[in-house]
Amino acid sequence: MAISESKKETVAALENIIKIVGKMGVKIEQFDPGAVKVRLPKEPNINHVGMVYAGSLFSLADYTGGVLFSSCFDLKKYIPILKEASIVYRRPAMSDMTIEATFTESEIEELKKMADSVGKADFVKEFELKDENGTVCCMARGSFQIRKA
């Protein structure tokens, strides 16, 4: 799915906001309100045995949470914080990897309402990290907090 012209500047900024993510070659492929797809290329993220480095996979999951948040929240008004994260490596990642992540309209509205009333709101997101064949190689879970800026 192509990135709309109106969002290309935001996507370019997000791809470069965390320098190490840029060095990893991560690219945002979809950036719609509440729906994103992020790709991690195999190169330069290869470990000593020829598979995608576990730390790069973890970073992809963390970063995707922030990209998803940025797709539907005003970053001048709300800030995302990762509080806790875990990942399960199910099988070797031998190709480019992708994550698709979503928020429903009701999730977005509930988080905004909570953050506006008490200054923060917690949420959990689970991600499947898939290879080029659509095989789930990793499962990640992040506990995030939205805070008023």
N, C-alpha and C. Protein backbone atom coordinates (compact mmCIF):
# COMPACT_ATOMS: atom_id res chain seq x y z
N MET A 1 0.85 -1.18 0.00
CA MET A 1 0.00 0.00 0.00
C MET A 1 0.89 1.24 0.00
N ALA A 2 0.60 2.18 -0.83
CA ALA A 2 1.42 3.38 -0.96
C ALA A 2 1.09 4.39 0.14
N ILE A 3 2.09 5.16 0.50
CA ILE A 3 1.92 6.24 1.47
C ILE A 3 1.34 7.44 0.72
N SER A 4 0.28 8.04 1.27
CA SER A 4 -0.33 9.20 0.60
C SER A 4 0.63 10.38 0.63
N GLU A 5 0.50 11.25 -0.37
CA GLU A 5 1.37 12.43 -0.48
C GLU A 5 1.34 13.26 0.80
N SER A 6 0.15 13.40 1.39
CA SER A 6 0.01 14.25 2.58
C SER A 6 0.75 13.69 3.80
N LYS A 7 1.10 12.42 3.76
CA LYS A 7 1.76 11.79 4.91
C LYS A 7 3.23 11.50 4.68
N LYS A 8 3.73 11.72 3.48
CA LYS A 8 5.12 11.38 3.16
C LYS A 8 6.13 12.12 4.03
N GLU A 9 5.87 13.37 4.33
CA GLU A 9 6.79 14.14 5.18
C GLU A 9 6.82 13.57 6.60
N THR A 10 5.66 13.23 7.14
CA THR A 10 5.59 12.64 8.48
C THR A 10 6.31 11.30 8.51
N VAL A 11 6.08 10.48 7.50
CA VAL A 11 6.73 9.16 7.43
C VAL A 11 8.24 9.32 7.35
N ALA A 12 8.72 10.24 6.54
CA ALA A 12 10.17 10.47 6.42
C ALA A 12 10.75 10.88 7.77
N ALA A 13 10.05 11.73 8.49
CA ALA A 13 10.52 12.16 9.82
C ALA A 13 10.55 10.98 10.78
N LEU A 14 9.50 10.15 10.77
CA LEU A 14 9.45 8.99 11.66
C LEU A 14 10.56 7.99 11.35
N GLU A 15 10.88 7.83 10.07
CA GLU A 15 11.93 6.88 9.69
C GLU A 15 13.31 7.34 10.12
N ASN A 16 13.45 8.61 10.47
CA ASN A 16 14.75 9.14 10.85
C ASN A 16 14.83 9.68 12.27
N ILE A 17 13.73 9.62 13.01
CA ILE A 17 13.70 10.20 14.35
C ILE A 17 14.60 9.43 15.33
N ILE A 18 14.68 8.12 15.17
CA ILE A 18 15.56 7.29 16.01
C ILE A 18 16.67 6.81 15.09
N LYS A 19 17.85 7.34 15.30
CA LYS A 19 18.97 7.14 14.35
C LYS A 19 19.27 5.67 14.09
N ILE A 20 19.26 4.84 15.11
CA ILE A 20 19.60 3.42 14.92
C ILE A 20 18.58 2.73 14.02
N VAL A 21 17.32 3.15 14.11
CA VAL A 21 16.27 2.57 13.27
C VAL A 21 16.56 2.89 11.80
N GLY A 22 17.01 4.10 11.54
CA GLY A 22 17.40 4.46 10.18
C GLY A 22 18.56 3.62 9.69
N LYS A 23 19.54 3.39 10.56
CA LYS A 23 20.70 2.56 10.19
C LYS A 23 20.29 1.11 9.92
N MET A 24 19.22 0.65 10.58
CA MET A 24 18.71 -0.70 10.37
C MET A 24 17.98 -0.83 9.04
N GLY A 25 17.65 0.29 8.40
CA GLY A 25 16.96 0.26 7.11
C GLY A 25 15.46 0.09 7.21
N VAL A 26 14.89 0.31 8.39
CA VAL A 26 13.45 0.14 8.59
C VAL A 26 12.68 1.14 7.73
N LYS A 27 11.59 0.66 7.11
CA LYS A 27 10.75 1.50 6.26
C LYS A 27 9.28 1.31 6.63
N ILE A 28 8.56 2.42 6.64
CA ILE A 28 7.12 2.39 6.87
C ILE A 28 6.45 2.21 5.51
N GLU A 29 5.67 1.15 5.36
CA GLU A 29 5.01 0.85 4.09
C GLU A 29 3.55 1.26 4.06
N GLN A 30 2.93 1.34 5.23
CA GLN A 30 1.54 1.81 5.34
C GLN A 30 1.47 2.73 6.53
N PHE A 31 0.78 3.86 6.37
CA PHE A 31 0.65 4.82 7.46
C PHE A 31 -0.70 5.50 7.33
N ASP A 32 -1.73 4.79 7.77
CA ASP A 32 -3.09 5.29 7.77
C ASP A 32 -3.53 5.45 9.22
N PRO A 33 -4.52 6.31 9.49
CA PRO A 33 -4.98 6.47 10.87
C PRO A 33 -5.39 5.12 11.48
N GLY A 34 -4.62 4.68 12.47
CA GLY A 34 -4.92 3.43 13.16
C GLY A 34 -4.48 2.18 12.44
N ALA A 35 -3.70 2.29 11.37
CA ALA A 35 -3.24 1.10 10.64
C ALA A 35 -1.88 1.38 10.00
N VAL A 36 -0.88 0.58 10.40
CA VAL A 36 0.47 0.76 9.86
C VAL A 36 1.07 -0.59 9.49
N LYS A 37 2.05 -0.53 8.58
CA LYS A 37 2.86 -1.70 8.24
C LYS A 37 4.30 -1.21 8.16
N VAL A 38 5.19 -1.92 8.86
CA VAL A 38 6.59 -1.53 8.93
C VAL A 38 7.45 -2.72 8.52
N ARG A 39 8.49 -2.44 7.71
CA ARG A 39 9.38 -3.49 7.19
C ARG A 39 10.80 -3.30 7.73
N LEU A 40 11.39 -4.43 8.13
CA LEU A 40 12.80 -4.51 8.51
C LEU A 40 13.50 -5.35 7.46
N PRO A 41 14.47 -4.78 6.72
CA PRO A 41 15.17 -5.58 5.72
C PRO A 41 16.15 -6.56 6.38
N LYS A 42 16.35 -7.69 5.73
CA LYS A 42 17.32 -8.66 6.26
C LYS A 42 18.71 -8.03 6.36
N GLU A 43 19.11 -7.35 5.27
CA GLU A 43 20.39 -6.63 5.29
C GLU A 43 20.13 -5.23 5.81
N PRO A 44 20.85 -4.69 6.72
CA PRO A 44 22.11 -5.11 7.33
C PRO A 44 21.91 -5.80 8.68
N ASN A 45 20.77 -6.41 8.90
CA ASN A 45 20.40 -6.94 10.22
C ASN A 45 20.69 -8.42 10.40
N ILE A 46 21.77 -8.89 9.83
CA ILE A 46 22.11 -10.32 9.91
C ILE A 46 23.06 -10.57 11.07
N ASN A 47 22.80 -11.66 11.78
CA ASN A 47 23.69 -12.03 12.89
C ASN A 47 24.80 -12.97 12.41
N HIS A 48 25.52 -13.53 13.35
CA HIS A 48 26.70 -14.36 13.07
C HIS A 48 26.37 -15.71 12.42
N VAL A 49 25.09 -16.11 12.41
CA VAL A 49 24.72 -17.38 11.79
C VAL A 49 23.80 -17.20 10.57
N GLY A 50 23.68 -15.96 10.08
CA GLY A 50 22.96 -15.73 8.83
C GLY A 50 21.47 -15.46 8.94
N MET A 51 20.95 -15.32 10.16
CA MET A 51 19.53 -14.98 10.30
C MET A 51 19.41 -13.55 10.81
N VAL A 52 18.19 -13.02 10.80
CA VAL A 52 17.98 -11.66 11.27
C VAL A 52 18.28 -11.60 12.77
N TYR A 53 19.08 -10.62 13.14
CA TYR A 53 19.52 -10.41 14.52
C TYR A 53 18.33 -10.20 15.45
N ALA A 54 18.32 -10.91 16.57
CA ALA A 54 17.21 -10.84 17.52
C ALA A 54 16.97 -9.42 18.03
N GLY A 55 18.03 -8.67 18.27
CA GLY A 55 17.88 -7.30 18.75
C GLY A 55 17.20 -6.40 17.73
N SER A 56 17.44 -6.65 16.45
CA SER A 56 16.77 -5.88 15.39
C SER A 56 15.28 -6.20 15.36
N LEU A 57 14.93 -7.46 15.58
CA LEU A 57 13.53 -7.86 15.61
C LEU A 57 12.81 -7.19 16.79
N PHE A 58 13.47 -7.18 17.94
CA PHE A 58 12.90 -6.52 19.11
C PHE A 58 12.71 -5.03 18.84
N SER A 59 13.72 -4.41 18.25
CA SER A 59 13.64 -2.97 17.93
C SER A 59 12.51 -2.69 16.94
N LEU A 60 12.30 -3.58 15.97
CA LEU A 60 11.21 -3.43 15.02
C LEU A 60 9.87 -3.38 15.75
N ALA A 61 9.67 -4.27 16.70
CA ALA A 61 8.41 -4.31 17.45
C ALA A 61 8.22 -3.03 18.26
N ASP A 62 9.25 -2.60 18.97
CA ASP A 62 9.18 -1.37 19.76
C ASP A 62 8.85 -0.18 18.86
N TYR A 63 9.58 -0.05 17.79
CA TYR A 63 9.41 1.06 16.86
C TYR A 63 8.00 1.07 16.24
N THR A 64 7.49 -0.10 15.89
CA THR A 64 6.16 -0.18 15.28
C THR A 64 5.09 0.35 16.22
N GLY A 65 5.24 0.10 17.52
CA GLY A 65 4.30 0.66 18.49
C GLY A 65 4.26 2.18 18.41
N GLY A 66 5.42 2.80 18.29
CA GLY A 66 5.48 4.25 18.16
C GLY A 66 4.91 4.76 16.85
N VAL A 67 5.16 4.03 15.77
CA VAL A 67 4.61 4.42 14.46
C VAL A 67 3.09 4.33 14.49
N LEU A 68 2.56 3.25 15.06
CA LEU A 68 1.11 3.10 15.17
C LEU A 68 0.52 4.26 15.96
N PHE A 69 1.13 4.56 17.09
CA PHE A 69 0.67 5.66 17.93
C PHE A 69 0.65 6.96 17.12
N SER A 70 1.73 7.20 16.39
CA SER A 70 1.87 8.44 15.61
C SER A 70 0.85 8.55 14.49
N SER A 71 0.30 7.42 14.06
CA SER A 71 -0.67 7.43 12.97
C SER A 71 -2.03 7.98 13.38
N CYS A 72 -2.29 8.04 14.68
CA CYS A 72 -3.63 8.44 15.10
C CYS A 72 -3.68 9.38 16.30
N PHE A 73 -2.53 9.76 16.84
CA PHE A 73 -2.50 10.70 17.96
C PHE A 73 -1.65 11.90 17.58
N ASP A 74 -2.05 13.07 18.03
CA ASP A 74 -1.30 14.30 17.81
C ASP A 74 -0.10 14.30 18.76
N LEU A 75 1.11 14.24 18.20
CA LEU A 75 2.32 14.15 19.02
C LEU A 75 2.64 15.45 19.75
N LYS A 76 1.94 16.52 19.41
CA LYS A 76 2.09 17.76 20.17
C LYS A 76 1.22 17.73 21.43
N LYS A 77 0.27 16.82 21.44
CA LYS A 77 -0.66 16.72 22.57
C LYS A 77 -0.44 15.47 23.42
N TYR A 78 0.03 14.39 22.79
CA TYR A 78 0.21 13.11 23.49
C TYR A 78 1.60 12.53 23.19
N ILE A 79 2.15 11.83 24.17
CA ILE A 79 3.47 11.21 24.04
C ILE A 79 3.35 9.72 24.35
N PRO A 80 3.91 8.83 23.51
CA PRO A 80 3.90 7.40 23.82
C PRO A 80 5.15 7.00 24.60
N ILE A 81 4.98 6.14 25.58
CA ILE A 81 6.09 5.61 26.37
C ILE A 81 5.95 4.08 26.39
N LEU A 82 7.03 3.37 26.11
CA LEU A 82 7.03 1.91 26.26
C LEU A 82 7.40 1.59 27.70
N LYS A 83 6.51 0.91 28.41
CA LYS A 83 6.74 0.58 29.82
C LYS A 83 7.36 -0.80 30.00
N GLU A 84 6.95 -1.73 29.17
CA GLU A 84 7.43 -3.11 29.30
C GLU A 84 7.26 -3.79 27.95
N ALA A 85 8.18 -4.70 27.64
CA ALA A 85 8.08 -5.41 26.36
C ALA A 85 8.62 -6.82 26.51
N SER A 86 8.06 -7.71 25.71
CA SER A 86 8.57 -9.08 25.66
C SER A 86 8.45 -9.59 24.23
N ILE A 87 9.27 -10.56 23.91
CA ILE A 87 9.25 -11.14 22.57
C ILE A 87 9.52 -12.63 22.67
N VAL A 88 8.83 -13.38 21.85
CA VAL A 88 9.04 -14.82 21.76
C VAL A 88 9.52 -15.11 20.34
N TYR A 89 10.69 -15.71 20.25
CA TYR A 89 11.27 -16.06 18.96
C TYR A 89 10.85 -17.50 18.65
N ARG A 90 9.94 -17.65 17.69
CA ARG A 90 9.36 -18.96 17.38
C ARG A 90 10.16 -19.75 16.35
N ARG A 91 10.74 -19.05 15.38
CA ARG A 91 11.53 -19.71 14.33
C ARG A 91 12.51 -18.69 13.77
N PRO A 92 13.57 -19.16 13.15
CA PRO A 92 14.56 -18.23 12.60
C PRO A 92 13.94 -17.30 11.55
N ALA A 93 14.31 -16.04 11.63
CA ALA A 93 13.88 -15.05 10.64
C ALA A 93 14.96 -14.99 9.57
N MET A 94 14.63 -15.44 8.37
CA MET A 94 15.63 -15.58 7.30
C MET A 94 15.41 -14.63 6.13
N SER A 95 14.47 -13.69 6.26
CA SER A 95 14.17 -12.76 5.17
C SER A 95 13.79 -11.41 5.77
N ASP A 96 13.41 -10.47 4.91
CA ASP A 96 12.83 -9.23 5.41
C ASP A 96 11.66 -9.59 6.32
N MET A 97 11.41 -8.75 7.32
CA MET A 97 10.33 -8.99 8.27
C MET A 97 9.37 -7.81 8.28
N THR A 98 8.08 -8.08 8.49
CA THR A 98 7.09 -7.01 8.57
C THR A 98 6.20 -7.19 9.79
N ILE A 99 5.65 -6.06 10.22
CA ILE A 99 4.61 -6.04 11.26
C ILE A 99 3.49 -5.16 10.74
N GLU A 100 2.26 -5.65 10.89
CA GLU A 100 1.07 -4.83 10.65
C GLU A 100 0.41 -4.63 12.00
N ALA A 101 0.06 -3.38 12.30
CA ALA A 101 -0.51 -3.07 13.62
C ALA A 101 -1.69 -2.12 13.45
N THR A 102 -2.69 -2.28 14.32
CA THR A 102 -3.89 -1.45 14.22
C THR A 102 -4.40 -1.00 15.58
N PHE A 103 -5.11 0.10 15.55
CA PHE A 103 -5.96 0.57 16.64
C PHE A 103 -7.36 0.67 16.06
N THR A 104 -8.37 0.30 16.84
CA THR A 104 -9.75 0.55 16.42
C THR A 104 -10.11 1.99 16.78
N GLU A 105 -11.14 2.50 16.14
CA GLU A 105 -11.63 3.84 16.47
C GLU A 105 -11.98 3.94 17.95
N SER A 106 -12.62 2.91 18.48
CA SER A 106 -13.02 2.96 19.89
C SER A 106 -11.80 2.94 20.82
N GLU A 107 -10.75 2.19 20.46
CA GLU A 107 -9.52 2.21 21.28
C GLU A 107 -8.91 3.61 21.30
N ILE A 108 -8.85 4.23 20.15
CA ILE A 108 -8.28 5.58 20.05
C ILE A 108 -9.06 6.56 20.91
N GLU A 109 -10.37 6.55 20.77
CA GLU A 109 -11.21 7.48 21.52
C GLU A 109 -11.13 7.24 23.02
N GLU A 110 -11.11 5.98 23.43
CA GLU A 110 -11.02 5.66 24.86
C GLU A 110 -9.69 6.12 25.44
N LEU A 111 -8.59 5.90 24.72
CA LEU A 111 -7.28 6.34 25.21
C LEU A 111 -7.20 7.86 25.30
N LYS A 112 -7.73 8.56 24.31
CA LYS A 112 -7.74 10.02 24.36
C LYS A 112 -8.56 10.52 25.55
N LYS A 113 -9.72 9.91 25.74
CA LYS A 113 -10.60 10.31 26.83
C LYS A 113 -9.91 10.12 28.18
N MET A 114 -9.28 8.97 28.37
CA MET A 114 -8.59 8.67 29.62
C MET A 114 -7.41 9.63 29.83
N ALA A 115 -6.59 9.80 28.80
CA ALA A 115 -5.42 10.69 28.91
C ALA A 115 -5.85 12.13 29.19
N ASP A 116 -6.91 12.57 28.55
CA ASP A 116 -7.38 13.93 28.77
C ASP A 116 -7.92 14.13 30.18
N SER A 117 -8.52 13.09 30.76
CA SER A 117 -9.11 13.24 32.09
C SER A 117 -8.12 13.03 33.22
N VAL A 118 -7.16 12.10 33.08
CA VAL A 118 -6.22 11.83 34.19
C VAL A 118 -4.75 12.05 33.82
N GLY A 119 -4.50 12.46 32.59
CA GLY A 119 -3.13 12.77 32.19
C GLY A 119 -2.35 11.63 31.58
N LYS A 120 -2.90 10.41 31.66
CA LYS A 120 -2.22 9.26 31.07
C LYS A 120 -3.20 8.11 30.90
N ALA A 121 -2.81 7.14 30.07
CA ALA A 121 -3.62 5.94 29.87
C ALA A 121 -2.70 4.82 29.42
N ASP A 122 -2.93 3.63 29.92
CA ASP A 122 -2.12 2.47 29.56
C ASP A 122 -2.83 1.63 28.50
N PHE A 123 -2.03 1.00 27.65
CA PHE A 123 -2.59 0.06 26.68
C PHE A 123 -1.55 -0.99 26.33
N VAL A 124 -2.02 -2.12 25.86
CA VAL A 124 -1.16 -3.23 25.47
C VAL A 124 -1.40 -3.52 23.99
N LYS A 125 -0.32 -3.77 23.28
CA LYS A 125 -0.42 -4.18 21.88
C LYS A 125 0.42 -5.43 21.68
N GLU A 126 -0.11 -6.35 20.90
CA GLU A 126 0.62 -7.56 20.53
C GLU A 126 0.86 -7.53 19.02
N PHE A 127 2.06 -7.94 18.63
CA PHE A 127 2.47 -7.88 17.24
C PHE A 127 2.97 -9.24 16.77
N GLU A 128 2.64 -9.58 15.53
CA GLU A 128 3.22 -10.75 14.86
C GLU A 128 4.28 -10.24 13.89
N LEU A 129 5.49 -10.74 14.01
CA LEU A 129 6.57 -10.40 13.09
C LEU A 129 6.62 -11.50 12.06
N LYS A 130 6.34 -11.14 10.79
CA LYS A 130 6.21 -12.14 9.73
C LYS A 130 7.32 -12.02 8.70
N ASP A 131 7.71 -13.18 8.16
CA ASP A 131 8.72 -13.19 7.10
C ASP A 131 8.04 -12.95 5.75
N GLU A 132 8.81 -13.02 4.67
CA GLU A 132 8.28 -12.74 3.33
C GLU A 132 7.20 -13.71 2.89
N ASN A 133 7.14 -14.89 3.50
CA ASN A 133 6.11 -15.88 3.17
C ASN A 133 4.87 -15.74 4.04
N GLY A 134 4.87 -14.79 4.97
CA GLY A 134 3.74 -14.61 5.88
C GLY A 134 3.81 -15.50 7.10
N THR A 135 4.92 -16.19 7.29
CA THR A 135 5.11 -17.06 8.46
C THR A 135 5.47 -16.21 9.67
N VAL A 136 4.78 -16.45 10.78
CA VAL A 136 5.07 -15.73 12.01
C VAL A 136 6.35 -16.30 12.61
N CYS A 137 7.38 -15.48 12.68
CA CYS A 137 8.67 -15.89 13.25
C CYS A 137 8.80 -15.46 14.70
N CYS A 138 8.12 -14.38 15.08
CA CYS A 138 8.20 -13.85 16.44
C CYS A 138 6.85 -13.28 16.84
N MET A 139 6.61 -13.29 18.13
CA MET A 139 5.44 -12.64 18.72
C MET A 139 5.98 -11.65 19.74
N ALA A 140 5.52 -10.41 19.67
CA ALA A 140 5.96 -9.39 20.61
C ALA A 140 4.76 -8.79 21.31
N ARG A 141 4.99 -8.35 22.54
CA ARG A 141 3.94 -7.73 23.34
C ARG A 141 4.53 -6.50 24.01
N GLY A 142 3.85 -5.39 23.88
CA GLY A 142 4.32 -4.16 24.51
C GLY A 142 3.25 -3.55 25.39
N SER A 143 3.65 -3.12 26.58
CA SER A 143 2.79 -2.35 27.47
C SER A 143 3.22 -0.89 27.32
N PHE A 144 2.31 -0.09 26.83
CA PHE A 144 2.61 1.31 26.54
C PHE A 144 1.79 2.21 27.45
N GLN A 145 2.23 3.45 27.51
CA GLN A 145 1.45 4.47 28.20
C GLN A 145 1.39 5.70 27.31
N ILE A 146 0.22 6.26 27.21
CA ILE A 146 0.04 7.53 26.53
C ILE A 146 0.01 8.60 27.62
N ARG A 147 0.79 9.65 27.43
CA ARG A 147 0.81 10.76 28.39
C ARG A 147 0.49 12.05 27.66
N LYS A 148 -0.14 12.95 28.39
CA LYS A 148 -0.35 14.28 27.82
C LYS A 148 0.99 14.98 27.73
N ALA A 149 1.21 15.67 26.63
CA ALA A 149 2.48 16.38 26.42
C ALA A 149 2.58 17.61 27.32
